[in-house]
Amino acid sequence: MAGSLAGGVWSDRWGRSRVILALSLLSIACSLLFGWLLPAPLWILVVLAALFNFSAVGDSAIYSAALTERVPQQHLATAYALRSILGFGMGALSPWLFGLLLDLPGNAPVVSWGLAWTGLGLVALVGPYLSWRLLRTLTVEDRR
């Protein structure tokens, strides 16, 4: 909840696209690191997991707000449906990819977990890339 609230406040202050980009990159960085830290002390994993959770949910409300501000009213329901389909679709494919990478034969546990979390982070790079592309196309006024 804290991530969602903070993300909303920050997006009002610094612009939706910028905050979406920053939070998604932070979330991906956490994913890329998380599995490789299997042998790390528990407190490090807990801190990283909290940061990961905070950043992963921090942009969710911003997407909804951005859709209502950018999409013409007659297309808003379609835009929300498309967002849901893409979100649920990735939510359905992610566990499969994670399990596939985790179960690769011949790896030590830290390598298996590292590959699984890294795979999710690499796939998620599509989001910040598209956000960055959108940010480049917006005028200075529209970047808010």
C-alpha atoms as a PDB file:
ATOM      1  CA  MET A   1       0.000   0.000   0.000  1.00  0.00           C
ATOM      2  CA  ALA A   2       2.813   2.406   0.833  1.00  0.00           C
ATOM      3  CA  GLY A   3       4.344   1.988  -2.619  1.00  0.00           C
ATOM      4  CA  SER A   4       1.064   2.724  -4.354  1.00  0.00           C
ATOM      5  CA  LEU A   5       0.422   5.825  -2.240  1.00  0.00           C
ATOM      6  CA  ALA A   6       3.975   7.114  -2.632  1.00  0.00           C
ATOM      7  CA  GLY A   7       3.924   6.440  -6.365  1.00  0.00           C
ATOM      8  CA  GLY A   8       0.731   8.448  -6.741  1.00  0.00           C
ATOM      9  CA  VAL A   9       2.076  11.398  -4.756  1.00  0.00           C
ATOM     10  CA  TRP A  10       5.392  11.339  -6.604  1.00  0.00           C
ATOM     11  CA  SER A  11       3.672  11.142  -9.994  1.00  0.00           C
ATOM     12  CA  ASP A  12       1.627  14.247  -9.169  1.00  0.00           C
ATOM     13  CA  ARG A  13       4.830  16.042  -8.216  1.00  0.00           C
ATOM     14  CA  TRP A  14       7.309  14.833 -10.868  1.00  0.00           C
ATOM     15  CA  GLY A  15       5.141  13.508 -13.693  1.00  0.00           C
ATOM     16  CA  ARG A  16       3.537  10.158 -14.383  1.00  0.00           C
ATOM     17  CA  SER A  17       5.963   8.917 -17.044  1.00  0.00           C
ATOM     18  CA  ARG A  18       9.059   9.742 -15.005  1.00  0.00           C
ATOM     19  CA  VAL A  19       7.811   8.006 -11.869  1.00  0.00           C
ATOM     20  CA  ILE A  20       6.567   4.970 -13.803  1.00  0.00           C
ATOM     21  CA  LEU A  21      10.000   4.710 -15.409  1.00  0.00           C
ATOM     22  CA  ALA A  22      11.883   5.131 -12.118  1.00  0.00           C
ATOM     23  CA  LEU A  23       9.752   2.660 -10.141  1.00  0.00           C
ATOM     24  CA  SER A  24       9.771   0.040 -12.870  1.00  0.00           C
ATOM     25  CA  LEU A  25      13.567   0.270 -13.218  1.00  0.00           C
ATOM     26  CA  LEU A  26      13.965  -0.059  -9.444  1.00  0.00           C
ATOM     27  CA  SER A  27      11.670  -3.086  -9.424  1.00  0.00           C
ATOM     28  CA  ILE A  28      13.616  -4.697 -12.268  1.00  0.00           C
ATOM     29  CA  ALA A  29      16.935  -4.018 -10.513  1.00  0.00           C
ATOM     30  CA  CYS A  30      15.554  -5.790  -7.431  1.00  0.00           C
ATOM     31  CA  SER A  31      14.459  -8.745  -9.565  1.00  0.00           C
ATOM     32  CA  LEU A  32      17.855  -8.991 -11.226  1.00  0.00           C
ATOM     33  CA  LEU A  33      19.551  -9.120  -7.805  1.00  0.00           C
ATOM     34  CA  PHE A  34      17.091 -11.059  -5.698  1.00  0.00           C
ATOM     35  CA  GLY A  35      17.764 -14.643  -6.742  1.00  0.00           C
ATOM     36  CA  TRP A  36      21.520 -14.247  -6.650  1.00  0.00           C
ATOM     37  CA  LEU A  37      21.343 -13.244  -2.978  1.00  0.00           C
ATOM     38  CA  LEU A  38      20.141 -16.669  -1.822  1.00  0.00           C
ATOM     39  CA  PRO A  39      23.204 -17.129   0.436  1.00  0.00           C
ATOM     40  CA  ALA A  40      23.023 -13.542   1.789  1.00  0.00           C
ATOM     41  CA  PRO A  41      22.016 -12.812   5.379  1.00  0.00           C
ATOM     42  CA  LEU A  42      18.270 -12.843   5.959  1.00  0.00           C
ATOM     43  CA  TRP A  43      18.097  -9.158   6.828  1.00  0.00           C
ATOM     44  CA  ILE A  44      19.480  -8.231   3.385  1.00  0.00           C
ATOM     45  CA  LEU A  45      16.847 -10.391   1.695  1.00  0.00           C
ATOM     46  CA  VAL A  46      14.091  -8.815   3.806  1.00  0.00           C
ATOM     47  CA  VAL A  47      15.223  -5.263   3.004  1.00  0.00           C
ATOM     48  CA  LEU A  48      15.506  -6.041  -0.706  1.00  0.00           C
ATOM     49  CA  ALA A  49      12.139  -7.829  -0.702  1.00  0.00           C
ATOM     50  CA  ALA A  50      10.479  -4.799   0.929  1.00  0.00           C
ATOM     51  CA  LEU A  51      12.058  -2.454  -1.628  1.00  0.00           C
ATOM     52  CA  PHE A  52      11.056  -4.843  -4.415  1.00  0.00           C
ATOM     53  CA  ASN A  53       7.446  -4.939  -3.222  1.00  0.00           C
ATOM     54  CA  PHE A  54       7.331  -1.174  -2.744  1.00  0.00           C
ATOM     55  CA  SER A  55       8.601  -0.468  -6.256  1.00  0.00           C
ATOM     56  CA  ALA A  56       6.619  -3.249  -7.951  1.00  0.00           C
ATOM     57  CA  VAL A  57       3.244  -1.923  -6.758  1.00  0.00           C
ATOM     58  CA  GLY A  58       4.249   1.740  -6.801  1.00  0.00           C
ATOM     59  CA  ASP A  59       3.373   2.350 -10.430  1.00  0.00           C
ATOM     60  CA  SER A  60       0.051   0.488 -10.568  1.00  0.00           C
ATOM     61  CA  ALA A  61      -2.175   3.410  -9.590  1.00  0.00           C
ATOM     62  CA  ILE A  62      -0.181   5.713 -11.847  1.00  0.00           C
ATOM     63  CA  TYR A  63      -1.052   3.622 -14.907  1.00  0.00           C
ATOM     64  CA  SER A  64      -4.746   3.968 -14.085  1.00  0.00           C
ATOM     65  CA  ALA A  65      -4.455   7.716 -13.598  1.00  0.00           C
ATOM     66  CA  ALA A  66      -2.436   8.115 -16.797  1.00  0.00           C
ATOM     67  CA  LEU A  67      -5.034   6.180 -18.790  1.00  0.00           C
ATOM     68  CA  THR A  68      -7.858   8.418 -17.577  1.00  0.00           C
ATOM     69  CA  GLU A  69      -5.820  11.520 -18.470  1.00  0.00           C
ATOM     70  CA  ARG A  70      -4.500  10.427 -21.876  1.00  0.00           C
ATOM     71  CA  VAL A  71      -7.072   8.125 -23.466  1.00  0.00           C
ATOM     72  CA  PRO A  72     -10.180   9.667 -25.067  1.00  0.00           C
ATOM     73  CA  GLN A  73     -13.308   8.892 -23.030  1.00  0.00           C
ATOM     74  CA  GLN A  74     -14.871   6.787 -25.804  1.00  0.00           C
ATOM     75  CA  HIS A  75     -11.823   4.450 -25.757  1.00  0.00           C
ATOM     76  CA  LEU A  76     -11.165   4.316 -22.020  1.00  0.00           C
ATOM     77  CA  ALA A  77     -12.936   0.991 -21.362  1.00  0.00           C
ATOM     78  CA  THR A  78     -11.008  -0.628 -24.206  1.00  0.00           C
ATOM     79  CA  ALA A  79      -7.736   0.765 -22.871  1.00  0.00           C
ATOM     80  CA  TYR A  80      -8.456  -0.617 -19.388  1.00  0.00           C
ATOM     81  CA  ALA A  81      -9.404  -3.989 -20.880  1.00  0.00           C
ATOM     82  CA  LEU A  82      -6.173  -4.104 -22.890  1.00  0.00           C
ATOM     83  CA  ARG A  83      -4.164  -3.182 -19.804  1.00  0.00           C
ATOM     84  CA  SER A  84      -5.867  -5.978 -17.870  1.00  0.00           C
ATOM     85  CA  ILE A  85      -5.317  -8.543 -20.613  1.00  0.00           C
ATOM     86  CA  LEU A  86      -1.624  -7.676 -20.854  1.00  0.00           C
ATOM     87  CA  GLY A  87      -1.220  -7.625 -17.072  1.00  0.00           C
ATOM     88  CA  PHE A  88      -3.024 -10.900 -16.448  1.00  0.00           C
ATOM     89  CA  GLY A  89      -1.319 -12.476 -19.448  1.00  0.00           C
ATOM     90  CA  MET A  90       2.116 -11.644 -18.085  1.00  0.00           C
ATOM     91  CA  GLY A  91       0.917 -12.758 -14.665  1.00  0.00           C
ATOM     92  CA  ALA A  92       0.041 -16.138 -16.149  1.00  0.00           C
ATOM     93  CA  LEU A  93       3.253 -16.552 -18.156  1.00  0.00           C
ATOM     94  CA  SER A  94       5.652 -15.366 -15.448  1.00  0.00           C
ATOM     95  CA  PRO A  95       5.292 -18.395 -13.131  1.00  0.00           C
ATOM     96  CA  TRP A  96       5.818 -20.704 -16.104  1.00  0.00           C
ATOM     97  CA  LEU A  97       9.009 -18.877 -17.125  1.00  0.00           C
ATOM     98  CA  PHE A  98      10.203 -18.749 -13.522  1.00  0.00           C
ATOM     99  CA  GLY A  99       9.650 -22.488 -13.061  1.00  0.00           C
ATOM    100  CA  LEU A 100      11.275 -23.313 -16.384  1.00  0.00           C
ATOM    101  CA  LEU A 101      14.420 -21.398 -15.474  1.00  0.00           C
ATOM    102  CA  LEU A 102      14.439 -22.672 -11.897  1.00  0.00           C
ATOM    103  CA  ASP A 103      14.253 -26.287 -13.072  1.00  0.00           C
ATOM    104  CA  LEU A 104      17.112 -26.113 -15.585  1.00  0.00           C
ATOM    105  CA  PRO A 105      19.253 -29.163 -14.883  1.00  0.00           C
ATOM    106  CA  GLY A 106      22.788 -29.085 -13.541  1.00  0.00           C
ATOM    107  CA  ASN A 107      22.731 -25.772 -11.687  1.00  0.00           C
ATOM    108  CA  ALA A 108      23.582 -25.069  -8.081  1.00  0.00           C
ATOM    109  CA  PRO A 109      20.601 -23.633  -6.129  1.00  0.00           C
ATOM    110  CA  VAL A 110      21.959 -20.084  -6.161  1.00  0.00           C
ATOM    111  CA  VAL A 111      22.388 -20.255  -9.955  1.00  0.00           C
ATOM    112  CA  SER A 112      18.881 -21.683 -10.440  1.00  0.00           C
ATOM    113  CA  TRP A 113      17.281 -18.997  -8.276  1.00  0.00           C
ATOM    114  CA  GLY A 114      19.435 -16.299  -9.822  1.00  0.00           C
ATOM    115  CA  LEU A 115      18.449 -17.322 -13.353  1.00  0.00           C
ATOM    116  CA  ALA A 116      14.761 -17.532 -12.458  1.00  0.00           C
ATOM    117  CA  TRP A 117      14.606 -14.035 -10.949  1.00  0.00           C
ATOM    118  CA  THR A 118      16.853 -12.600 -13.661  1.00  0.00           C
ATOM    119  CA  GLY A 119      14.560 -14.029 -16.337  1.00  0.00           C
ATOM    120  CA  LEU A 120      11.599 -12.179 -14.859  1.00  0.00           C
ATOM    121  CA  GLY A 121      13.597  -8.964 -14.681  1.00  0.00           C
ATOM    122  CA  LEU A 122      14.753  -9.228 -18.279  1.00  0.00           C
ATOM    123  CA  VAL A 123      11.224  -9.797 -19.588  1.00  0.00           C
ATOM    124  CA  ALA A 124       9.998  -6.839 -17.547  1.00  0.00           C
ATOM    125  CA  LEU A 125      12.459  -4.521 -19.330  1.00  0.00           C
ATOM    126  CA  VAL A 126       9.825  -4.115 -22.041  1.00  0.00           C
ATOM    127  CA  GLY A 127       7.843  -1.840 -19.704  1.00  0.00           C
ATOM    128  CA  PRO A 128      10.519   0.774 -19.006  1.00  0.00           C
ATOM    129  CA  TYR A 129      11.602   0.701 -22.640  1.00  0.00           C
ATOM    130  CA  LEU A 130       8.087   1.564 -23.780  1.00  0.00           C
ATOM    131  CA  SER A 131       7.741   4.188 -21.015  1.00  0.00           C
ATOM    132  CA  TRP A 132      11.032   5.774 -22.087  1.00  0.00           C
ATOM    133  CA  ARG A 133       9.874   5.826 -25.720  1.00  0.00           C
ATOM    134  CA  LEU A 134       6.612   7.482 -24.676  1.00  0.00           C
ATOM    135  CA  LEU A 135       8.451  10.031 -22.546  1.00  0.00           C
ATOM    136  CA  ARG A 136      10.622  10.977 -25.539  1.00  0.00           C
ATOM    137  CA  THR A 137       7.538  11.647 -27.681  1.00  0.00           C
ATOM    138  CA  LEU A 138       5.784  13.887 -25.165  1.00  0.00           C
ATOM    139  CA  THR A 139       6.189  17.637 -25.079  1.00  0.00           C
ATOM    140  CA  VAL A 140       7.591  19.220 -21.918  1.00  0.00           C
ATOM    141  CA  GLU A 141       4.060  20.181 -20.855  1.00  0.00           C
ATOM    142  CA  ASP A 142       2.695  16.669 -21.492  1.00  0.00           C
ATOM    143  CA  ARG A 143       5.431  14.975 -19.438  1.00  0.00           C
ATOM    144  CA  ARG A 144       3.627  15.885 -16.255  1.00  0.00           C
END
